[in-house]
Amino acid sequence: MATSVKERQPKTTDNNANQTHYYITMVVAVVFGMAGVFFRFLPDEIPSLDQHGFLFTSISNVFLIIGSVLAFRTVFGILGFRKG
C-alpha cells in the first residue's frame, strides 16, 4: 500500500525579529518615552518650576515624538515594511 503524501522540506525563517539591534532600539525608544512623561509632570511635583511649564511641556512633547517615531520605525522594520 503506497501513500500519496509527498515529502516536503521544513519551512525556514530568517528570524528577523530576534536581531539585537531591534531590542536596543526599542529600549532607547521606551527611555525617550519615559523621559517625556517625566518632564511632562515635573512642574506639577516641584512648585518652583511651575513658571516654566511651557518649556517642560515642549521638552516632553519632543521626547515623546522621538520615542514614538523610533518605536514605530523599529516595529515596521521587524514586520518588514521598512525599505532598506
Protein backbone atom coordinates (compact mmCIF):
# COMPACT_ATOMS: atom_id res chain seq x y z
CA MET A 1 0.00 0.00 0.00
CA ALA A 2 1.60 3.25 -1.16
CA THR A 3 0.85 6.60 0.41
CA SER A 4 0.04 9.62 -1.67
CA VAL A 5 1.57 12.05 0.82
CA LYS A 6 4.53 13.91 -0.62
CA GLU A 7 7.55 14.74 1.48
CA ARG A 8 8.12 18.45 1.81
CA GLN A 9 11.01 20.44 3.13
CA PRO A 10 10.64 22.16 6.50
CA LYS A 11 9.84 25.85 6.45
CA THR A 12 12.81 28.12 7.12
CA THR A 13 12.65 31.61 8.58
CA ASP A 14 15.29 34.27 8.91
CA ASN A 15 14.26 35.21 12.50
CA ASN A 16 14.34 38.89 11.67
CA ALA A 17 12.73 39.87 14.98
CA ASN A 18 15.49 38.25 17.05
CA GLN A 19 18.22 40.62 15.92
CA THR A 20 19.86 42.51 18.76
CA HIS A 21 19.66 45.97 17.24
CA TYR A 22 15.85 45.82 17.33
CA TYR A 23 15.89 45.23 21.08
CA ILE A 24 18.37 48.04 21.68
CA THR A 25 16.36 50.47 19.56
CA MET A 26 13.14 49.57 21.38
CA VAL A 27 14.81 50.15 24.76
CA VAL A 28 16.04 53.56 23.59
CA ALA A 29 12.52 54.40 22.35
CA VAL A 30 10.99 53.42 25.70
CA VAL A 31 13.60 55.51 27.56
CA PHE A 32 12.74 58.55 25.41
CA GLY A 33 9.04 57.99 26.07
CA MET A 34 9.57 57.65 29.82
CA ALA A 35 11.72 60.81 29.84
CA GLY A 36 8.91 62.62 28.04
CA VAL A 37 6.38 61.54 30.65
CA PHE A 38 8.81 62.53 33.43
CA PHE A 39 9.31 66.03 32.00
CA ARG A 40 5.56 66.42 31.46
CA PHE A 41 4.77 66.06 35.16
CA LEU A 42 7.93 67.58 36.65
CA PRO A 43 6.46 71.09 37.16
CA ASP A 44 3.49 69.55 38.99
CA GLU A 45 5.79 67.96 41.57
CA ILE A 46 8.25 70.83 42.01
CA PRO A 47 6.32 74.07 42.56
CA SER A 48 9.33 76.31 41.85
CA LEU A 49 9.36 75.03 38.24
CA ASP A 50 5.73 75.96 37.67
CA GLN A 51 6.65 79.19 35.90
CA HIS A 52 8.47 77.17 33.22
CA GLY A 53 5.50 74.95 32.39
CA PHE A 54 5.59 75.65 28.65
CA LEU A 55 9.28 74.77 28.46
CA PHE A 56 8.78 71.42 30.16
CA THR A 57 5.72 70.67 28.05
CA SER A 58 7.71 71.40 24.88
CA ILE A 59 10.62 69.22 26.01
CA SER A 60 8.26 66.41 26.91
CA ASN A 61 6.49 66.62 23.54
CA VAL A 62 9.82 66.40 21.70
CA PHE A 63 10.89 63.36 23.73
CA LEU A 64 7.54 61.65 23.21
CA ILE A 65 7.64 62.27 19.45
CA ILE A 66 11.21 60.95 19.18
CA GLY A 67 10.31 57.86 21.21
CA SER A 68 7.18 57.20 19.17
CA VAL A 69 8.97 57.56 15.84
CA LEU A 70 11.76 55.22 16.98
CA ALA A 71 9.27 52.66 18.23
CA PHE A 72 7.18 52.72 15.04
CA ARG A 73 10.26 52.51 12.80
CA THR A 74 11.52 49.52 14.78
CA VAL A 75 8.21 47.69 14.70
CA PHE A 76 7.79 48.31 10.98
CA GLY A 77 11.37 47.15 10.45
CA ILE A 78 10.63 43.90 12.29
CA LEU A 79 7.47 43.37 10.25
CA GLY A 80 9.36 44.06 7.03
CA PHE A 81 7.53 47.20 5.92
CA ARG A 82 10.56 49.46 6.06
CA LYS A 83 12.65 49.69 2.93
CA GLY A 84 16.36 49.17 3.14
